[in-house]
Each structure stands twice: as structure tokens, then as C-alpha cells.
């Protein structure tokens, strides 16, 4: 449309300019030709007919001269004004309805009657003057002159209706030509769009498809022009991208299989090692004091290795896309309390929540998220750690607890409760705040990265660096998000945002990838600590 508009604008400008110039030139030519012919004939007739009359002609002679002048080929009306021998003014007109002394413009009569001084530059005291006027919407040429040396004054009135008709016909022709130029420009623009813009549009569409992951996208190439070369270049680039992506996908799949296979293979010996380490831990008090530190180190490192394997297996489930939700109606305040109580954090955590906020979520995965966030705050933040629970309606307004409590899914609200705006329209907000030094600004964008260490001088720590990334993945599978920020008054805050009803996203599936029996990463150990190095 822009191309058609530009072509039409250019064509309209050119056509109007050309038509205007042509009309102006033709108008001047037509009028000047007619005017010159009429004035020349009038001058000749006035000199021959009126000039042959006596200085004081009779009225009859004046009338005969006027009729003879009007009988010429130019077909104009004649008015002669003279003075007879008795001093009376005599007026002779060939058309008394059209041309009378009163119909002659005053300015023209004044110019005709005024005698100019005769000198070398002006040899005649009187000249021929003319002007145009309209009578009843009909254009006329009016001219007048006085016979030199004494004699009558003559005027003519010539209709220019024929010339106006010719000029109107010319204007219509130019208007039609302008309209045809507009139509032609639109057709030309359409042809240009077909030849140039359409291939560019197809190239843009193919590029968008390629960007969306449809790597098999190719363009049909015809011709040998620059657009054809561009299409061939696009096809070669798309083919190379597809090959490269296939190679990278194969490598990534191999890496995931390696991590998964390694984790599964490590579970069997780890089970035996864990059993032996537990026996050694029970007997640590009766061992030689020189051996006891080594035994306790073996026990702690065995647990850490076991946690790392479990976390790696959980990560491989997310990467492979096999992680599933097992949804249930969860009282969020009870869930947070249970998470804190199971890990003996009751003395270090403050809970700011009302009971009765019920959401349809996966309780196991919610426990993983809470354990990692709260454990991270306890390890690297400052006590006390405060956990607040709020709800958010569709307009973005936060509530401590909606009227009658929000109850998502198929459960029922408490007796006498008013229904909320709808489970799918709200969100659950859980904020975990500590009173520590906060998160360094350069570390803040990477707190959820896998195996990220805030300090290169501490590559080895109690955690695996996977806890917060696993928490984020569990939030994503619910359709939620976790954000980290520093508070102006000090300390860091992690905000977990989850939908009140995750069944719309999960399809209310009831089967997990491990049958719901997978070990909870971060249940009081590395799941709560792993990734703690990420944030601090």
C-alpha cells in the first residue's frame, strides 16, 4: 500500500504539474490568437470604414459604417460614437442589447478618450485599448479606439464562448489523462510489488519461521537477479543453521544422557557407601580420637555426594522435559509451616500468613522451592528470615487473604465465604526476606544459574550450586516465576509468584516422572543449600 501510495503521489504530482502547464500555455495561446486576430481586423476596419467618413458624419453614415465593420469574418458587435454637423452626438450600434455606451467599462472609455502627447517614442495621440469582461457568465473581449486626426470613436465586443468551450474540453482531456496516469501508476506499483516486494515479504516470512525454530524452511528460487541470489544465500544459511543445530542438539542430548546415566550408575555404589557411612557415624564416638574427624568428613562428604546425584537427576528430568506435576489442593500456610518444621527452622523463621489460602499446586515441588529459598536465606542472609504469603487479583492488587480465602481447583471455600474473582485469575505471592548484607549487584543476575559461584576464591562449598536453579525450574513448571532483589533498608528478598490453579497449565496430570516417589531435593540438606553460593 505504501508503494502504491508513493507511485500514485508521484504520478499525481507529475500529471497535475504537466496538465497545469499545458492548460496555461494553451489558454494563453488560444486567447492571444483570437484576441490578436480580432484586434487586427477591428483596427483595419476602423481605419478603412470610419476613417473614410467626414469629421462630422451624419448618423446614417455612421450606422452604415458600423454594419460594414461588423460584417467582417470575426463576427463581433460594433459601436461607433461621433458628432454630426449640428454638434449632436450620434451613436451607431449593431447590437443595441449587447453593446451600448453604458456597457463599455469606464476605465476603457477613459483610456480611449485620453490623448497622449506625441513625440519620437509615441507618434499617435490615440491608441487601441482592450480588456476582458463577463456578461451573464459569458466571457467577452471589449476593445476601443479613436480615429486619429478627428473622427468617430469605435468599440467592439467579441464573445469568447467558443474559446472557453475549447479550453474546457482541454481541461477535461487533461483531467482524464491525469486519472489514467493514476491508474497506470497503481498498476505499475502493483507490478513492482509483485516483482520486488512480494519476494522480500516471502523472505521476511521465511526468516521469521526460521527464527521460530522451523529450520526446514526454504525459499523457492526463480530467476537470476539480486533477489534470487539473496534467496539462494538464505537457503544455504538455513541449511547450515539446521546442520549446526542438529549437531548441537545431538551433543546436548548426549550430554544429558551422560549425566543421567552417570547419576543412575552412581546411585548403586552410593547406596552402599551411605549405609556404611551411617554405621561409621553411629560408632564415631567409640573410635580412636585420631580417626573420628576423618570418619565424620567421610560421612558429610558422602551425604553431599548423594545430594549432588539426586540434584543432577532432577535437573536431567527438567532438561529432558519429563518432569510432571502431581497437583493437589494445598493450604499454603500449612505447607510452609510443615517445610519449616521438618527442617527444624521454627526458631529462625517468622511466618506472616493467614490460614485458608488454598491453591492447587504440586505440594512436593512447592516444598522443594520453599526449602531452597528459606535455606538459602538462613545460610547466607541474616536472621530473622521472614516468610510472607499474599494473594494477587487480576488487577495486580495484593491481598493478605481474600474474603473467605481463595480456594482453587475443585475444593470448596470455607462455610459462609464469598467467592473470589476466580482461581485462574489470581496469583500466589510468597516472599522470603532475610536481614543480611544483600546480594552484590554483579551477582544478582546470576543467582539462578547452575553451578554459579559468587566468588572464584570459594569454588568448593557445602552446596552444589543447583538449589536455586532447581527451585526456579519447579516454579516454571507451575507456570510461575522467582525473582531476587535487594531491599533499600538492607537484606535480600526472593519473590515466588505462582498461579492459584496450576491445573490449567498442567492438564491436572496425576503421574510424576518417578511415580511421585522421587526424593525431594533440598529437604534440609543441599536442596536448601545448593545454589546458596549462587546468590551470595
Protein backbone atom coordinates (compact mmCIF):
# COMPACT_ATOMS: atom_id res chain seq x y z
CA UNK A 1 0.00 0.00 0.00
CA UNK A 2 2.85 2.39 0.74
CA UNK A 3 4.38 1.68 -2.65
CA UNK A 4 1.04 2.26 -4.40
CA UNK A 5 0.58 5.49 -2.45
CA UNK A 6 4.05 6.77 -3.35
CA UNK A 7 3.65 5.86 -7.02
CA UNK A 8 0.21 7.49 -7.10
CA UNK A 9 1.51 10.62 -5.35
CA UNK A 10 4.41 10.96 -7.78
CA UNK A 11 2.15 10.33 -10.77
CA UNK A 12 -0.45 12.78 -9.47
CA UNK A 13 2.16 15.48 -8.88
CA UNK A 14 3.70 14.99 -12.31
CA UNK A 15 0.35 14.79 -14.09
CA UNK A 16 -1.12 17.83 -12.34
CA UNK A 17 2.03 19.84 -12.97
CA UNK A 18 2.15 18.85 -16.64
CA UNK A 19 -1.59 19.39 -17.08
CA UNK A 20 -1.47 22.79 -15.37
CA UNK A 21 1.44 23.97 -17.51
CA UNK A 22 -0.18 22.62 -20.67
CA UNK A 23 -3.51 24.24 -19.84
CA UNK A 24 -1.90 27.58 -19.03
CA UNK A 25 0.14 27.58 -22.23
CA UNK A 26 -2.80 26.53 -24.40
CA UNK A 27 -5.10 29.04 -22.73
CA UNK A 28 -2.74 31.91 -23.41
CA UNK A 29 -2.15 30.73 -26.94
CA UNK A 30 -5.85 30.38 -27.76
CA UNK A 31 -6.83 33.69 -26.20
CA UNK A 32 -3.93 35.62 -27.70
CA UNK A 33 -4.54 34.17 -31.14
CA UNK A 34 -8.23 35.08 -31.07
CA UNK A 35 -7.59 38.45 -29.49
CA UNK A 36 -4.86 39.40 -31.96
CA UNK A 37 -6.98 38.37 -34.92
CA UNK A 38 -10.00 40.35 -33.69
CA UNK A 39 -7.99 43.47 -32.82
CA UNK A 40 -6.15 43.42 -36.13
CA UNK A 41 -9.40 43.11 -38.06
CA UNK A 42 -11.01 45.86 -35.95
CA UNK A 43 -8.06 48.24 -36.47
CA UNK A 44 -8.14 47.66 -40.21
CA UNK A 45 -11.93 48.02 -40.46
CA UNK A 46 -11.93 51.13 -38.28
CA UNK A 47 -9.28 52.74 -40.44
CA UNK A 48 -10.99 51.83 -43.72
CA UNK A 49 -14.67 52.44 -42.81
CA UNK A 50 -14.68 55.03 -40.05
CA UNK A 51 -11.56 56.78 -41.35
CA UNK A 52 -13.28 57.38 -44.68
CA UNK A 53 -16.14 59.27 -43.04
CA UNK A 54 -16.11 63.02 -42.68
CA UNK A 55 -15.01 64.51 -39.40
CA UNK A 56 -18.65 65.25 -38.56
CA UNK A 57 -20.56 62.37 -40.20
CA UNK A 58 -24.30 62.02 -40.34
CA UNK A 59 -25.92 59.35 -38.17
CA UNK A 60 -26.92 57.32 -41.18
CA UNK A 61 -23.37 57.26 -42.49
CA UNK A 62 -22.12 56.22 -39.06
CA UNK A 63 -24.68 53.39 -38.88
CA UNK A 64 -23.70 52.10 -42.36
CA UNK A 65 -20.03 52.12 -41.37
CA UNK A 66 -20.79 50.17 -38.17
CA UNK A 67 -22.74 47.49 -40.11
CA UNK A 68 -19.95 47.15 -42.65
CA UNK A 69 -17.36 46.71 -39.86
CA UNK A 70 -19.48 44.09 -38.09
CA UNK A 71 -19.98 42.14 -41.32
CA UNK A 72 -16.34 41.04 -41.26
CA UNK A 73 -15.14 37.45 -40.68
CA UNK A 74 -14.54 37.92 -36.92
CA UNK A 75 -18.26 38.36 -36.11
CA UNK A 76 -18.14 40.98 -33.39
CA UNK A 77 -20.54 43.74 -32.37
CA UNK A 78 -19.56 47.34 -33.25
CA UNK A 79 -20.35 50.62 -31.55
CA UNK A 80 -19.43 53.95 -33.25
CA UNK A 81 -19.82 57.27 -31.47
CA UNK A 82 -19.48 60.56 -33.40
CA UNK A 83 -20.69 64.15 -33.59
CA UNK A 84 -22.71 65.41 -36.58
CA UNK A 85 -22.54 68.86 -38.20
CA UNK A 86 -25.12 70.22 -35.77
CA UNK A 87 -22.98 69.19 -32.75
CA UNK A 88 -25.26 66.37 -31.66
CA UNK A 89 -23.77 63.05 -30.51
CA UNK A 90 -24.64 60.20 -32.82
CA UNK A 91 -24.43 56.58 -31.59
CA UNK A 92 -24.47 53.72 -34.09
CA UNK A 93 -24.57 50.12 -32.71
CA UNK A 94 -25.01 46.83 -34.48
CA UNK A 95 -26.33 45.09 -31.34
CA UNK A 96 -28.05 47.53 -29.01
CA UNK A 97 -28.82 44.81 -26.42
CA UNK A 98 -25.19 43.77 -26.08
CA UNK A 99 -23.02 46.80 -26.85
CA UNK A 100 -24.06 50.28 -25.74
CA UNK A 101 -22.12 53.24 -24.39
CA UNK A 102 -23.23 52.17 -20.89
CA UNK A 103 -21.90 48.61 -21.33
CA UNK A 104 -18.41 49.84 -22.15
CA UNK A 105 -16.26 49.79 -18.99
CA UNK A 106 -15.48 53.28 -17.70
CA UNK A 107 -11.78 52.51 -17.47
CA UNK A 108 -11.73 51.54 -21.13
CA UNK A 109 -13.63 54.67 -22.25
CA UNK A 110 -11.28 56.87 -20.24
CA UNK A 111 -8.21 55.24 -21.81
CA UNK A 112 -9.66 55.56 -25.33
CA UNK A 113 -10.68 59.22 -24.94
CA UNK A 114 -7.39 60.31 -23.34
CA UNK A 115 -4.98 61.88 -25.80
CA UNK A 116 -1.32 61.06 -25.28
CA UNK A 117 1.44 63.54 -26.11
CA UNK A 118 3.06 62.91 -29.48
CA UNK A 119 6.84 62.61 -29.58
CA UNK A 120 9.55 60.48 -31.14
CA UNK A 121 8.59 57.48 -28.97
CA UNK A 122 4.83 57.96 -29.49
CA UNK A 123 3.72 59.00 -32.95
CA UNK A 124 -0.05 58.78 -32.30
CA UNK A 125 -2.17 60.58 -29.75
CA UNK A 126 -4.72 57.77 -29.52
CA UNK A 127 -4.19 54.01 -29.29
CA UNK A 128 -6.23 50.82 -29.36
CA UNK A 129 -7.10 49.51 -25.86
CA UNK A 130 -8.81 46.29 -24.83
CA UNK A 131 -9.89 44.25 -21.80
CA UNK A 132 -11.95 41.16 -20.96
CA UNK A 133 -15.24 41.12 -19.08
CA UNK A 134 -18.08 38.72 -18.42
CA UNK A 135 -21.72 39.33 -19.24
CA UNK A 136 -24.07 36.70 -17.87
CA UNK A 137 -21.22 34.22 -17.27
CA UNK A 138 -20.12 34.60 -20.90
CA UNK A 139 -16.60 35.98 -21.45
CA UNK A 140 -16.20 38.87 -23.90
CA UNK A 141 -13.34 40.82 -25.40
CA UNK A 142 -14.05 44.57 -25.36
CA UNK A 143 -11.80 46.96 -27.32
CA UNK A 144 -11.93 50.57 -28.39
CA UNK A 145 -10.03 53.20 -30.36
CA UNK A 146 -10.44 56.74 -31.65
CA UNK A 147 -9.76 57.64 -35.24
CA UNK A 148 -6.61 59.73 -35.38
CA UNK A 149 -6.97 63.21 -36.78
CA UNK A 150 -10.53 63.59 -35.70
CA UNK A 151 -13.47 61.34 -36.35
CA UNK A 152 -15.71 58.84 -34.55
CA UNK A 153 -14.74 56.57 -31.66
CA UNK A 154 -15.24 52.86 -32.23
CA UNK A 155 -15.77 49.94 -29.83
CA UNK A 156 -16.09 46.20 -30.42
CA UNK A 157 -17.41 43.35 -28.27
CA UNK A 158 -16.39 39.82 -29.20
CA UNK A 159 -17.75 36.68 -27.49
CA UNK A 160 -15.11 34.25 -26.25
CA UNK A 161 -17.59 31.44 -25.53
CA UNK A 162 -16.12 29.23 -28.24
CA UNK A 163 -12.63 29.63 -26.84
CA UNK A 164 -13.90 28.86 -23.30
CA UNK A 165 -15.58 25.70 -24.62
CA UNK A 166 -12.35 24.66 -26.28
CA UNK A 167 -10.42 25.29 -23.07
CA UNK A 168 -12.98 23.33 -21.03
CA UNK A 169 -12.62 20.42 -23.43
CA UNK A 170 -8.86 20.65 -23.00
CA UNK A 171 -9.24 20.69 -19.20
CA UNK A 172 -11.42 17.56 -19.31
CA UNK A 173 -8.89 15.84 -21.54
CA UNK A 174 -6.07 16.72 -19.17
CA UNK A 175 -8.15 15.55 -16.21
CA UNK A 176 -8.81 12.21 -17.90
CA UNK A 177 -5.12 11.93 -18.70
CA UNK A 178 -4.31 12.59 -15.02
CA UNK A 179 -6.77 9.90 -13.90
CA UNK A 180 -5.27 7.44 -16.39
CA UNK A 181 -1.82 8.32 -15.06
CA UNK A 182 -3.02 7.50 -11.53
CA UNK A 183 -4.44 4.16 -12.65
CA UNK A 184 -1.28 3.42 -14.57
CA UNK A 185 0.88 4.27 -11.56
CA UNK A 186 -1.21 1.96 -9.34
CA UNK A 187 -0.80 -0.87 -11.84
CA UNK A 188 2.90 -0.13 -12.06
CA UNK A 189 3.17 -0.17 -8.26
CA UNK A 190 1.32 -3.49 -8.17
CA UNK A 191 3.71 -4.89 -10.75
CA UNK A 192 6.67 -3.59 -8.74
CA UNK A 193 5.24 -5.14 -5.58
CA UNK A 194 4.84 -8.45 -7.37
CA UNK A 195 8.35 -8.37 -8.75
CA UNK A 196 10.20 -6.87 -5.78
CA UNK A 197 8.19 -6.58 -2.59
CA UNK A 198 6.46 -9.96 -2.68
CA UNK A 199 9.79 -11.84 -2.76
CA UNK A 200 11.04 -9.62 0.06
CA UNK A 201 7.88 -10.38 2.05
CA UNK A 202 8.34 -14.10 1.44
CA UNK A 203 11.94 -13.76 2.57
CA UNK A 204 10.84 -11.95 5.74
CA UNK A 205 8.20 -14.61 6.44
CA UNK A 206 10.77 -17.36 5.93
CA UNK A 207 13.20 -15.58 8.25
CA UNK A 208 10.52 -15.38 10.95
CA UNK A 209 9.77 -19.09 10.53
CA UNK A 210 13.47 -19.85 10.81
CA UNK A 211 13.67 -17.73 13.94
CA UNK A 212 10.71 -19.65 15.42
CA UNK A 213 12.65 -22.89 15.06
CA UNK A 214 11.33 -24.20 11.73
CA UNK A 215 14.76 -24.99 10.43
CA UNK A 216 13.43 -26.84 7.38
CA UNK A 217 12.16 -23.55 5.92
CA UNK A 218 13.41 -22.90 2.39
CA UNK A 219 12.61 -20.41 -0.36
CA UNK A 220 11.68 -21.28 -3.93
CA UNK A 221 14.28 -19.63 -6.16
CA UNK A 222 13.48 -18.42 -9.68
CA UNK A 223 15.45 -16.08 -11.91
CA UNK A 224 18.98 -14.76 -11.77
CA UNK A 225 18.52 -11.27 -10.31
CA UNK A 226 19.71 -9.95 -6.95
CA UNK A 227 16.61 -11.23 -5.14
CA UNK A 228 17.25 -14.71 -6.48
CA UNK A 229 20.84 -14.52 -5.20
CA UNK A 230 19.54 -13.37 -1.83
CA UNK A 231 17.10 -16.29 -1.71
CA UNK A 232 19.88 -18.75 -2.54
CA UNK A 233 22.03 -17.24 0.20
CA UNK A 234 19.13 -17.58 2.65
CA UNK A 235 18.64 -21.25 1.71
CA UNK A 236 22.34 -22.00 2.17
CA UNK A 237 22.38 -20.20 5.51
CA UNK A 238 19.25 -22.04 6.67
CA UNK A 239 20.78 -25.36 5.68
CA UNK A 240 23.98 -24.61 7.59
CA UNK A 241 21.99 -23.45 10.62
CA UNK A 242 19.91 -26.61 10.52
CA UNK A 243 23.02 -28.78 10.36
CA UNK A 244 24.66 -26.86 13.18
CA UNK A 245 21.57 -27.05 15.36
CA UNK A 246 21.28 -30.78 14.73
CA UNK A 247 24.91 -31.21 15.78
CA UNK A 248 24.42 -29.12 18.91
CA UNK A 249 21.17 -30.92 19.74
CA UNK A 250 22.90 -34.26 19.36
CA UNK A 251 25.73 -33.13 21.62
CA UNK A 252 23.30 -31.75 24.17
CA UNK A 253 21.26 -34.95 24.14
CA UNK A 254 24.45 -36.97 24.55
CA UNK A 255 25.47 -34.76 27.48
CA UNK A 256 22.06 -35.19 29.13
CA UNK A 257 22.22 -38.95 28.62
CA UNK A 258 25.72 -38.98 30.08
CA UNK A 259 24.64 -37.05 33.19
CA UNK A 260 21.53 -39.20 33.60
CA UNK A 261 23.42 -42.45 33.08
CA UNK A 262 26.21 -41.33 35.37
CA UNK A 263 23.73 -40.36 38.08
CA UNK A 264 21.91 -43.69 37.83
CA UNK A 265 25.16 -45.61 37.87
CA UNK A 266 26.35 -43.71 40.94
CA UNK A 267 23.20 -44.46 42.92
CA UNK A 268 24.04 -48.13 43.48
CA UNK A 269 27.53 -47.66 44.97
CA UNK A 270 26.31 -44.55 46.80
CA UNK A 271 23.61 -46.60 48.49
CA UNK A 272 26.22 -48.98 49.84
CA UNK A 273 28.59 -46.16 50.79
CA UNK A 274 25.76 -44.29 52.54
CA UNK A 275 24.85 -47.38 54.56
CA UNK A 276 28.48 -47.86 55.62
CA UNK A 277 28.84 -44.15 56.45
CA UNK A 278 25.76 -44.27 58.65
CA UNK A 279 27.24 -47.24 60.56
CA UNK A 280 30.51 -45.36 60.92
CA UNK A 281 28.66 -42.27 62.17
CA UNK A 282 26.91 -44.31 64.84
CA UNK A 283 30.23 -45.72 66.02
CA UNK A 284 32.15 -42.42 65.73
CA UNK A 285 32.12 -41.78 69.47
CA UNK A 286 33.80 -45.11 70.21
CA UNK A 287 36.52 -44.70 67.59
CA UNK A 288 40.06 -43.53 68.14
CA UNK A 289 40.08 -39.69 68.51
CA UNK A 290 42.62 -39.55 65.71
CA UNK A 291 40.25 -41.37 63.33
CA UNK A 292 36.97 -39.69 64.33
CA UNK A 293 37.47 -36.44 62.27
CA UNK A 294 38.20 -38.47 59.17
CA UNK A 295 35.08 -40.59 59.72
CA UNK A 296 32.87 -37.55 60.14
CA UNK A 297 34.39 -35.98 56.99
CA UNK A 298 33.63 -39.17 55.03
CA UNK A 299 30.04 -39.14 56.32
CA UNK A 300 29.42 -35.46 55.43
CA UNK A 301 31.03 -35.78 52.00
CA UNK A 302 29.04 -38.93 51.29
CA UNK A 303 25.82 -37.09 52.07
CA UNK A 304 26.94 -34.19 49.92
CA UNK A 305 27.72 -36.53 47.03
CA UNK A 306 24.37 -38.24 47.44
CA UNK A 307 22.60 -34.86 47.37
CA UNK A 308 24.52 -33.84 44.26
CA UNK A 309 23.49 -37.03 42.44
CA UNK A 310 19.87 -36.51 43.38
CA UNK A 311 20.01 -32.90 42.19
CA UNK A 312 21.65 -33.93 38.92
CA UNK A 313 18.90 -36.45 38.31
CA UNK A 314 16.28 -33.78 38.99
CA UNK A 315 18.00 -31.42 36.57
CA UNK A 316 18.09 -34.07 33.84
CA UNK A 317 14.33 -34.53 34.23
CA UNK A 318 13.77 -30.83 33.62
CA UNK A 319 16.15 -30.77 30.64
CA UNK A 320 14.53 -33.83 29.11
CA UNK A 321 11.04 -32.40 29.61
CA UNK A 322 9.84 -35.42 31.58
CA UNK A 323 9.10 -33.56 34.82
CA UNK A 324 5.36 -33.58 35.60
CA UNK A 325 3.11 -32.05 38.22
CA UNK A 326 1.10 -34.04 40.75
CA UNK A 327 -1.49 -31.48 41.78
CA UNK A 328 -3.43 -31.27 44.99
CA UNK A 329 -5.29 -28.61 46.96
CA UNK A 330 -2.67 -27.12 49.28
CA UNK A 331 -3.18 -24.83 52.25
CA UNK A 332 -0.14 -22.67 51.62
CA UNK A 333 0.37 -21.58 55.23
CA UNK A 334 0.27 -25.21 56.42
CA UNK A 335 2.69 -26.20 53.68
CA UNK A 336 5.20 -23.50 54.70
CA UNK A 337 4.84 -24.47 58.37
CA UNK A 338 5.42 -28.14 57.55
CA UNK A 339 8.51 -27.27 55.48
CA UNK A 340 9.99 -25.19 58.31
CA UNK A 341 9.11 -27.74 60.99
CA UNK A 342 10.58 -30.68 59.05
CA UNK A 343 13.91 -28.91 58.89
CA UNK A 344 13.90 -27.57 62.48
CA UNK A 345 13.83 -23.93 61.35
CA UNK A 346 10.95 -22.81 63.57
CA UNK A 347 13.15 -20.69 65.81
CA UNK A 348 14.86 -18.91 62.91
CA UNK A 349 11.89 -18.23 60.60
CA UNK A 350 8.95 -15.85 61.05
CA UNK A 351 5.75 -16.67 59.15
CA UNK A 352 3.41 -13.86 58.12
CA UNK A 353 0.39 -15.63 56.65
CA UNK A 354 -3.25 -16.39 57.31
CA UNK A 355 -4.55 -19.89 57.05
CA UNK A 356 -7.16 -20.65 54.47
CA UNK A 357 -5.22 -19.56 51.37
CA UNK A 358 -5.66 -22.71 49.29
CA UNK A 359 -4.07 -23.19 45.86
CA UNK A 360 -3.97 -26.13 43.50
CA UNK A 361 -0.27 -26.94 43.21
CA UNK A 362 2.21 -29.79 43.43
CA UNK A 363 2.97 -29.98 47.20
CA UNK A 364 6.26 -31.87 46.73
CA UNK A 365 7.64 -29.32 44.27
CA UNK A 366 6.36 -26.42 46.38
CA UNK A 367 8.24 -27.91 49.34
CA UNK A 368 11.41 -28.04 47.21
CA UNK A 369 11.03 -24.37 46.29
CA UNK A 370 10.40 -23.28 49.88
CA UNK A 371 13.25 -25.38 51.27
CA UNK A 372 15.73 -23.88 48.83
CA UNK A 373 14.61 -20.28 49.29
CA UNK A 374 14.39 -20.40 53.08
CA UNK A 375 17.57 -22.45 53.43
CA UNK A 376 19.43 -20.05 51.17
CA UNK A 377 18.23 -17.09 53.27
CA UNK A 378 19.28 -18.79 56.53
CA UNK A 379 22.70 -19.74 55.23
CA UNK A 380 23.72 -16.51 53.54
CA UNK A 381 21.33 -13.91 54.94
CA UNK A 382 20.79 -12.60 58.39
CA UNK A 383 18.25 -13.72 60.96
CA UNK A 384 15.42 -13.47 61.33
CA UNK A 385 14.16 -14.80 57.99
CA UNK A 386 10.60 -13.67 57.30
CA UNK A 387 8.21 -15.57 55.01
CA UNK A 388 5.07 -13.68 53.96
CA UNK A 389 2.17 -15.05 51.92
CA UNK A 390 -0.13 -12.84 49.89
CA UNK A 391 -2.55 -13.22 47.02
CA UNK A 392 -2.88 -11.02 43.95
CA UNK A 393 -6.05 -10.48 41.96
CA UNK A 394 -6.32 -9.99 38.22
CA UNK A 395 -5.83 -6.21 38.54
CA UNK A 396 -2.47 -6.68 40.31
CA UNK A 397 -3.72 -5.66 43.77
CA UNK A 398 -2.23 -7.64 46.66
CA UNK A 399 -4.35 -9.03 49.49
CA UNK A 400 -3.32 -10.57 52.76
CA UNK A 401 -6.16 -13.03 52.45
CA UNK A 402 -9.13 -12.76 50.06
CA UNK A 403 -12.65 -12.75 51.54
CA UNK A 404 -13.48 -16.26 52.58
CA UNK A 405 -10.00 -17.35 51.49
CA UNK A 406 -9.02 -18.27 47.97
CA UNK A 407 -9.71 -21.90 47.19
CA UNK A 408 -8.51 -23.04 43.82
CA UNK A 409 -9.33 -26.13 41.88
CA UNK A 410 -12.16 -28.45 42.77
CA UNK A 411 -12.16 -27.81 46.55
CA UNK A 412 -14.80 -25.71 48.29
CA UNK A 413 -14.32 -22.48 50.16
CA UNK A 414 -14.98 -22.37 53.90
CA UNK A 415 -18.55 -22.08 55.02
CA UNK A 416 -20.03 -18.61 54.54
CA UNK A 417 -17.15 -17.44 52.36
CA UNK A 418 -17.78 -15.24 49.42
CA UNK A 419 -16.34 -16.49 46.11
CA UNK A 420 -13.15 -14.84 44.91
CA UNK A 421 -12.66 -13.42 41.46
CA UNK A 422 -11.73 -16.86 40.19
CA UNK A 423 -8.81 -19.20 40.81
CA UNK A 424 -7.34 -18.78 37.39
CA UNK A 425 -7.41 -15.00 37.58
CA UNK A 426 -5.25 -14.62 40.72
CA UNK A 427 -1.72 -15.40 41.76
CA UNK A 428 0.02 -16.59 44.91
CA UNK A 429 2.92 -14.47 46.19
CA UNK A 430 5.42 -15.88 48.68
CA UNK A 431 8.25 -13.58 49.75
CA UNK A 432 11.31 -14.83 51.64
CA UNK A 433 13.23 -11.96 53.20
CA UNK A 434 16.44 -12.01 55.22
CA UNK A 435 18.32 -9.31 57.14
CA UNK A 436 21.77 -9.96 55.77
CA UNK A 437 24.09 -7.78 53.66
CA UNK A 438 22.12 -8.42 50.50
CA UNK A 439 23.25 -9.75 47.14
CA UNK A 440 26.06 -7.97 45.26
CA UNK A 441 24.77 -6.20 42.18
CA UNK A 442 27.15 -8.07 39.87
CA UNK A 443 25.92 -11.39 41.28
CA UNK A 444 22.18 -10.60 41.22
CA UNK A 445 21.61 -11.53 37.54
CA UNK A 446 23.26 -14.95 38.05
CA UNK A 447 21.75 -16.20 41.31
CA UNK A 448 19.64 -18.78 39.47
CA UNK A 449 22.43 -20.01 37.18
CA UNK A 450 23.54 -23.60 37.62
CA UNK A 451 26.83 -24.14 39.48
CA UNK A 452 27.37 -20.38 39.72
CA UNK A 453 29.83 -19.36 42.44
CA UNK A 454 29.71 -15.78 43.62
CA UNK A 455 33.42 -15.84 44.47
CA UNK A 456 36.10 -17.56 42.43
CA UNK A 457 38.12 -17.97 45.63
CA UNK A 458 35.42 -20.29 47.03
CA UNK A 459 34.97 -22.88 44.27
CA UNK A 460 34.33 -25.54 46.87
CA UNK A 461 31.42 -25.09 49.28
CA UNK A 462 28.80 -27.08 51.13
CA UNK A 463 26.29 -26.71 48.29
CA UNK A 464 26.24 -27.96 44.72
CA UNK A 465 25.14 -24.69 43.18
CA UNK A 466 21.92 -26.27 41.89
CA UNK A 467 19.40 -25.48 44.61
CA UNK A 468 18.10 -22.13 43.36
CA UNK A 469 18.11 -23.28 39.73
CA UNK A 470 16.01 -26.32 40.72
CA UNK A 471 13.65 -24.03 42.64
CA UNK A 472 13.28 -21.83 39.56
CA UNK A 473 12.58 -24.84 37.32
CA UNK A 474 9.89 -26.03 39.74
CA UNK A 475 8.32 -22.58 39.61
CA UNK A 476 8.41 -22.58 35.81
CA UNK A 477 6.72 -25.96 35.56
CA UNK A 478 3.86 -24.46 37.58
CA UNK A 479 3.72 -21.50 35.20
CA UNK A 480 5.27 -19.24 37.83
CA UNK A 481 8.46 -17.25 38.39
CA UNK A 482 11.03 -16.41 41.08
CA UNK A 483 12.76 -13.05 41.28
CA UNK A 484 15.55 -11.82 43.54
CA UNK A 485 16.16 -8.25 44.69
CA UNK A 486 17.78 -6.20 47.42
CA UNK A 487 15.72 -4.10 49.81
CA UNK A 488 16.57 -0.43 50.43
CA UNK A 489 16.65 -1.00 54.19
CA UNK A 490 19.03 -3.96 53.79
CA UNK A 491 18.74 -7.64 53.15
CA UNK A 492 17.61 -9.66 50.15
CA UNK A 493 14.13 -10.78 49.19
CA UNK A 494 13.13 -13.64 46.91
CA UNK A 495 9.60 -13.42 45.49
CA UNK A 496 7.84 -16.58 44.34
CA UNK A 497 4.82 -15.98 42.08
CA UNK A 498 2.62 -18.99 41.27
CA UNK A 499 -0.84 -19.30 39.73
CA UNK A 500 -3.59 -20.16 42.19
CA UNK A 501 -4.61 -23.05 39.93
CA UNK A 502 -1.82 -24.80 38.01
CA UNK A 503 -4.20 -27.38 36.53
CA UNK A 504 -4.86 -25.10 33.55
CA UNK A 505 -1.19 -25.42 32.65
CA UNK A 506 -0.53 -28.99 33.71
CA UNK A 507 -3.77 -30.51 32.49
CA UNK A 508 -4.25 -31.81 36.08
CA UNK A 509 -1.90 -34.73 35.42
CA UNK A 510 -1.60 -37.21 38.26
CA UNK A 511 1.55 -39.06 37.35
CA UNK A 512 5.07 -37.82 38.08
CA UNK A 513 8.17 -38.93 36.26
CA UNK A 514 9.18 -41.10 39.23
CA UNK A 515 5.66 -42.06 40.17
CA UNK A 516 5.59 -39.31 42.78
CA UNK A 517 8.18 -41.18 44.83
CA UNK A 518 11.27 -39.23 43.84
CA UNK A 519 13.38 -37.95 46.70
CA UNK A 520 12.82 -34.26 47.47
CA UNK A 521 16.00 -32.40 46.56
CA UNK A 522 16.98 -29.93 49.17
CA UNK A 523 14.96 -31.39 52.04
CA UNK A 524 17.06 -29.84 54.74
CA UNK A 525 20.41 -30.52 53.08
CA UNK A 526 21.86 -29.50 49.74
CA UNK A 527 18.49 -28.66 48.23
CA UNK A 528 18.26 -25.88 50.76
CA UNK A 529 21.94 -25.07 50.45
CA UNK A 530 22.81 -25.93 46.86
CA UNK A 531 22.78 -22.73 44.93
CA UNK A 532 23.31 -20.74 48.10
CA UNK A 533 26.73 -19.85 46.72
CA UNK A 534 24.92 -18.65 43.59
CA UNK A 535 23.33 -15.73 45.36
CA UNK A 536 25.97 -14.52 47.83
